[in-house]
Amino acid sequence: MGTETFTSSSVSETIERGRIFASSLEAGDIVCLQGDLGAGKTHFVKGIASRFGVEENTVSSPTFTLINEYPGATPIFHFDCYRLETEQEALEIGAEEYLFGEGISVVEWPEKIGNLLPVDSVWVTITHKGETEREIIIKRPD
């Protein structure tokens, strides 16, 4: 796996890192986002979505809806699996149609649906390193 590590010292840098990262994405890709609550996962998604023509201010955490769809040059499907108890729940809301559809799927709390995710998913881990500082680690499959 190819691994890249970055440090972000602000929300705007985290968004920009997401935008830069998104330049390597295409329809069908799955991005798994790991990090504690408040680590900056949704800000990273704002950057990804903005790269495909989605207004940053329309991107929000889908904690209560589970999946937000952002139409753009390539659709972005933003999952938040935090509230899921089983992989079966993800199947019942149609997760596979999104994961293997025509857009880019970005999954927060991917460990909740681990067996549904293909091995060639890209994993991004965001870790608190200080009040505003974050470490962003991107692991791509070989």
C-alpha atoms as a PDB file:
ATOM      1  CA  MET A   1       0.000   0.000   0.000  1.00  0.00           C
ATOM      2  CA  GLY A   2       1.164   3.490  -0.776  1.00  0.00           C
ATOM      3  CA  THR A   3       1.024   5.681   2.323  1.00  0.00           C
ATOM      4  CA  GLU A   4       1.101   9.474   2.533  1.00  0.00           C
ATOM      5  CA  THR A   5       1.152  11.474   5.763  1.00  0.00           C
ATOM      6  CA  PHE A   6       0.253  15.154   6.102  1.00  0.00           C
ATOM      7  CA  THR A   7      -0.165  17.614   8.923  1.00  0.00           C
ATOM      8  CA  SER A   8      -3.010  20.123   8.932  1.00  0.00           C
ATOM      9  CA  SER A   9      -2.960  23.091  11.276  1.00  0.00           C
ATOM     10  CA  SER A  10      -6.441  24.459  10.504  1.00  0.00           C
ATOM     11  CA  VAL A  11      -9.911  23.617   9.224  1.00  0.00           C
ATOM     12  CA  SER A  12      -9.121  25.322   5.915  1.00  0.00           C
ATOM     13  CA  GLU A  13      -5.970  23.196   5.512  1.00  0.00           C
ATOM     14  CA  THR A  14      -7.951  20.015   6.192  1.00  0.00           C
ATOM     15  CA  ILE A  15     -10.475  21.041   3.523  1.00  0.00           C
ATOM     16  CA  GLU A  16      -7.640  21.812   1.100  1.00  0.00           C
ATOM     17  CA  ARG A  17      -6.006  18.425   1.802  1.00  0.00           C
ATOM     18  CA  GLY A  18      -9.337  16.789   0.940  1.00  0.00           C
ATOM     19  CA  ARG A  19      -9.507  18.790  -2.297  1.00  0.00           C
ATOM     20  CA  ILE A  20      -5.960  17.778  -3.285  1.00  0.00           C
ATOM     21  CA  PHE A  21      -6.610  14.142  -2.375  1.00  0.00           C
ATOM     22  CA  ALA A  22      -9.798  14.157  -4.474  1.00  0.00           C
ATOM     23  CA  SER A  23      -7.829  14.915  -7.640  1.00  0.00           C
ATOM     24  CA  SER A  24      -6.835  11.222  -7.660  1.00  0.00           C
ATOM     25  CA  LEU A  25     -10.409   9.925  -7.242  1.00  0.00           C
ATOM     26  CA  GLU A  26     -12.844   8.751  -9.879  1.00  0.00           C
ATOM     27  CA  ALA A  27     -16.306   7.226 -10.037  1.00  0.00           C
ATOM     28  CA  GLY A  28     -16.425   3.868  -8.295  1.00  0.00           C
ATOM     29  CA  ASP A  29     -13.786   4.716  -5.680  1.00  0.00           C
ATOM     30  CA  ILE A  30     -14.503   4.115  -2.013  1.00  0.00           C
ATOM     31  CA  VAL A  31     -12.826   6.213   0.669  1.00  0.00           C
ATOM     32  CA  CYS A  32     -12.942   5.009   4.278  1.00  0.00           C
ATOM     33  CA  LEU A  33     -12.513   7.828   6.817  1.00  0.00           C
ATOM     34  CA  GLN A  34     -11.386   6.993  10.328  1.00  0.00           C
ATOM     35  CA  GLY A  35     -11.000   9.383  13.242  1.00  0.00           C
ATOM     36  CA  ASP A  36     -12.494  10.332  16.564  1.00  0.00           C
ATOM     37  CA  LEU A  37     -15.532  12.599  16.848  1.00  0.00           C
ATOM     38  CA  GLY A  38     -14.436  16.099  15.924  1.00  0.00           C
ATOM     39  CA  ALA A  39     -11.233  14.974  14.188  1.00  0.00           C
ATOM     40  CA  GLY A  40     -12.155  16.760  10.956  1.00  0.00           C
ATOM     41  CA  LYS A  41     -13.601  13.967   8.821  1.00  0.00           C
ATOM     42  CA  THR A  42     -16.490  16.070   7.529  1.00  0.00           C
ATOM     43  CA  HIS A  43     -14.145  18.974   6.725  1.00  0.00           C
ATOM     44  CA  PHE A  44     -12.035  16.547   4.681  1.00  0.00           C
ATOM     45  CA  VAL A  45     -15.223  15.477   2.848  1.00  0.00           C
ATOM     46  CA  LYS A  46     -15.981  19.159   2.128  1.00  0.00           C
ATOM     47  CA  GLY A  47     -12.673  19.302   0.284  1.00  0.00           C
ATOM     48  CA  ILE A  48     -13.380  16.114  -1.654  1.00  0.00           C
ATOM     49  CA  ALA A  49     -16.864  17.282  -2.649  1.00  0.00           C
ATOM     50  CA  SER A  50     -15.699  20.767  -3.644  1.00  0.00           C
ATOM     51  CA  ARG A  51     -13.243  19.208  -6.115  1.00  0.00           C
ATOM     52  CA  PHE A  52     -16.288  17.826  -7.945  1.00  0.00           C
ATOM     53  CA  GLY A  53     -18.260  21.069  -7.980  1.00  0.00           C
ATOM     54  CA  VAL A  54     -20.200  20.760  -4.723  1.00  0.00           C
ATOM     55  CA  GLU A  55     -20.467  23.900  -2.572  1.00  0.00           C
ATOM     56  CA  GLU A  56     -18.587  23.324   0.717  1.00  0.00           C
ATOM     57  CA  ASN A  57     -21.411  24.832   2.783  1.00  0.00           C
ATOM     58  CA  THR A  58     -23.838  22.154   1.541  1.00  0.00           C
ATOM     59  CA  VAL A  59     -21.699  19.335   2.975  1.00  0.00           C
ATOM     60  CA  SER A  60     -22.650  18.214   6.470  1.00  0.00           C
ATOM     61  CA  SER A  61     -22.304  15.102   8.565  1.00  0.00           C
ATOM     62  CA  PRO A  62     -25.021  12.581   7.686  1.00  0.00           C
ATOM     63  CA  THR A  63     -25.163  11.318  11.285  1.00  0.00           C
ATOM     64  CA  PHE A  64     -28.968  11.191  11.359  1.00  0.00           C
ATOM     65  CA  THR A  65     -29.668  10.534   7.681  1.00  0.00           C
ATOM     66  CA  LEU A  66     -26.843   7.960   7.309  1.00  0.00           C
ATOM     67  CA  ILE A  67     -26.170   8.906   3.655  1.00  0.00           C
ATOM     68  CA  ASN A  68     -25.977  12.331   2.033  1.00  0.00           C
ATOM     69  CA  GLU A  69     -25.873  12.554  -1.751  1.00  0.00           C
ATOM     70  CA  TYR A  70     -24.043  15.458  -3.368  1.00  0.00           C
ATOM     71  CA  PRO A  71     -24.618  15.785  -7.109  1.00  0.00           C
ATOM     72  CA  GLY A  72     -21.645  17.180  -8.964  1.00  0.00           C
ATOM     73  CA  ALA A  73     -19.344  16.390 -11.870  1.00  0.00           C
ATOM     74  CA  THR A  74     -19.117  12.980 -10.179  1.00  0.00           C
ATOM     75  CA  PRO A  75     -21.722  12.286  -7.463  1.00  0.00           C
ATOM     76  CA  ILE A  76     -20.417  11.990  -3.907  1.00  0.00           C
ATOM     77  CA  PHE A  77     -22.146   9.583  -1.514  1.00  0.00           C
ATOM     78  CA  HIS A  78     -21.236  10.531   2.067  1.00  0.00           C
ATOM     79  CA  PHE A  79     -21.970   7.804   4.619  1.00  0.00           C
ATOM     80  CA  ASP A  80     -21.893   8.105   8.403  1.00  0.00           C
ATOM     81  CA  CYS A  81     -22.111   4.597   9.833  1.00  0.00           C
ATOM     82  CA  TYR A  82     -21.674   5.662  13.469  1.00  0.00           C
ATOM     83  CA  ARG A  83     -25.255   4.779  14.435  1.00  0.00           C
ATOM     84  CA  LEU A  84     -25.377   1.448  12.603  1.00  0.00           C
ATOM     85  CA  GLU A  85     -25.400  -1.641  14.809  1.00  0.00           C
ATOM     86  CA  THR A  86     -24.976  -4.266  12.091  1.00  0.00           C
ATOM     87  CA  GLU A  87     -23.859  -4.587   8.478  1.00  0.00           C
ATOM     88  CA  GLN A  88     -27.384  -5.836   7.733  1.00  0.00           C
ATOM     89  CA  GLU A  89     -28.718  -2.360   8.584  1.00  0.00           C
ATOM     90  CA  ALA A  90     -26.417  -0.894   5.939  1.00  0.00           C
ATOM     91  CA  LEU A  91     -27.726  -3.375   3.384  1.00  0.00           C
ATOM     92  CA  GLU A  92     -31.320  -2.486   4.297  1.00  0.00           C
ATOM     93  CA  ILE A  93     -30.739   1.204   3.493  1.00  0.00           C
ATOM     94  CA  GLY A  94     -29.232   0.313   0.109  1.00  0.00           C
ATOM     95  CA  ALA A  95     -25.551   0.857   0.927  1.00  0.00           C
ATOM     96  CA  GLU A  96     -24.374  -1.557  -1.769  1.00  0.00           C
ATOM     97  CA  GLU A  97     -26.152   0.424  -4.493  1.00  0.00           C
ATOM     98  CA  TYR A  98     -24.132   3.475  -3.473  1.00  0.00           C
ATOM     99  CA  LEU A  99     -20.846   1.674  -2.794  1.00  0.00           C
ATOM    100  CA  PHE A 100     -20.868  -0.010  -6.179  1.00  0.00           C
ATOM    101  CA  GLY A 101     -22.642   2.767  -8.069  1.00  0.00           C
ATOM    102  CA  GLU A 102     -21.526   5.532 -10.384  1.00  0.00           C
ATOM    103  CA  GLY A 103     -20.209   7.945  -7.776  1.00  0.00           C
ATOM    104  CA  ILE A 104     -17.496   8.202  -5.166  1.00  0.00           C
ATOM    105  CA  SER A 105     -18.432   6.807  -1.763  1.00  0.00           C
ATOM    106  CA  VAL A 106     -16.908   8.378   1.343  1.00  0.00           C
ATOM    107  CA  VAL A 107     -17.592   6.348   4.483  1.00  0.00           C
ATOM    108  CA  GLU A 108     -17.172   7.686   8.019  1.00  0.00           C
ATOM    109  CA  TRP A 109     -16.932   4.968  10.703  1.00  0.00           C
ATOM    110  CA  PRO A 110     -16.198   2.284   8.068  1.00  0.00           C
ATOM    111  CA  GLU A 111     -15.385  -0.349  10.683  1.00  0.00           C
ATOM    112  CA  LYS A 112     -19.151  -0.659  11.246  1.00  0.00           C
ATOM    113  CA  ILE A 113     -19.593  -2.091   7.719  1.00  0.00           C
ATOM    114  CA  GLY A 114     -16.134  -3.586   7.219  1.00  0.00           C
ATOM    115  CA  ASN A 115     -17.214  -6.767   5.419  1.00  0.00           C
ATOM    116  CA  LEU A 116     -19.150  -4.759   2.816  1.00  0.00           C
ATOM    117  CA  LEU A 117     -16.098  -2.750   1.766  1.00  0.00           C
ATOM    118  CA  PRO A 118     -13.879  -3.948  -1.076  1.00  0.00           C
ATOM    119  CA  VAL A 119     -10.185  -4.563  -0.432  1.00  0.00           C
ATOM    120  CA  ASP A 120      -9.205  -1.810  -2.858  1.00  0.00           C
ATOM    121  CA  SER A 121     -10.806   0.928  -0.729  1.00  0.00           C
ATOM    122  CA  VAL A 122      -8.627   3.904   0.187  1.00  0.00           C
ATOM    123  CA  TRP A 123      -8.253   4.447   3.951  1.00  0.00           C
ATOM    124  CA  VAL A 124      -7.816   7.912   5.442  1.00  0.00           C
ATOM    125  CA  THR A 125      -7.135   8.318   9.154  1.00  0.00           C
ATOM    126  CA  ILE A 126      -7.377  11.746  10.790  1.00  0.00           C
ATOM    127  CA  THR A 127      -5.907  12.092  14.279  1.00  0.00           C
ATOM    128  CA  HIS A 128      -5.956  14.993  16.752  1.00  0.00           C
ATOM    129  CA  LYS A 129      -2.404  16.213  17.395  1.00  0.00           C
ATOM    130  CA  GLY A 130      -3.349  19.459  19.134  1.00  0.00           C
ATOM    131  CA  GLU A 131      -6.196  21.933  19.415  1.00  0.00           C
ATOM    132  CA  THR A 132      -6.136  22.715  15.692  1.00  0.00           C
ATOM    133  CA  GLU A 133      -3.433  20.345  14.421  1.00  0.00           C
ATOM    134  CA  ARG A 134      -4.375  17.071  12.726  1.00  0.00           C
ATOM    135  CA  GLU A 135      -2.363  14.254  11.209  1.00  0.00           C
ATOM    136  CA  ILE A 136      -3.847  12.854   7.995  1.00  0.00           C
ATOM    137  CA  ILE A 137      -2.675   9.448   6.833  1.00  0.00           C
ATOM    138  CA  ILE A 138      -3.794   8.162   3.441  1.00  0.00           C
ATOM    139  CA  LYS A 139      -3.301   4.463   2.621  1.00  0.00           C
ATOM    140  CA  ARG A 140      -3.913   3.403  -0.949  1.00  0.00           C
ATOM    141  CA  PRO A 141      -4.073  -0.200  -2.130  1.00  0.00           C
ATOM    142  CA  ASP A 142      -1.229  -1.472  -4.302  1.00  0.00           C
END
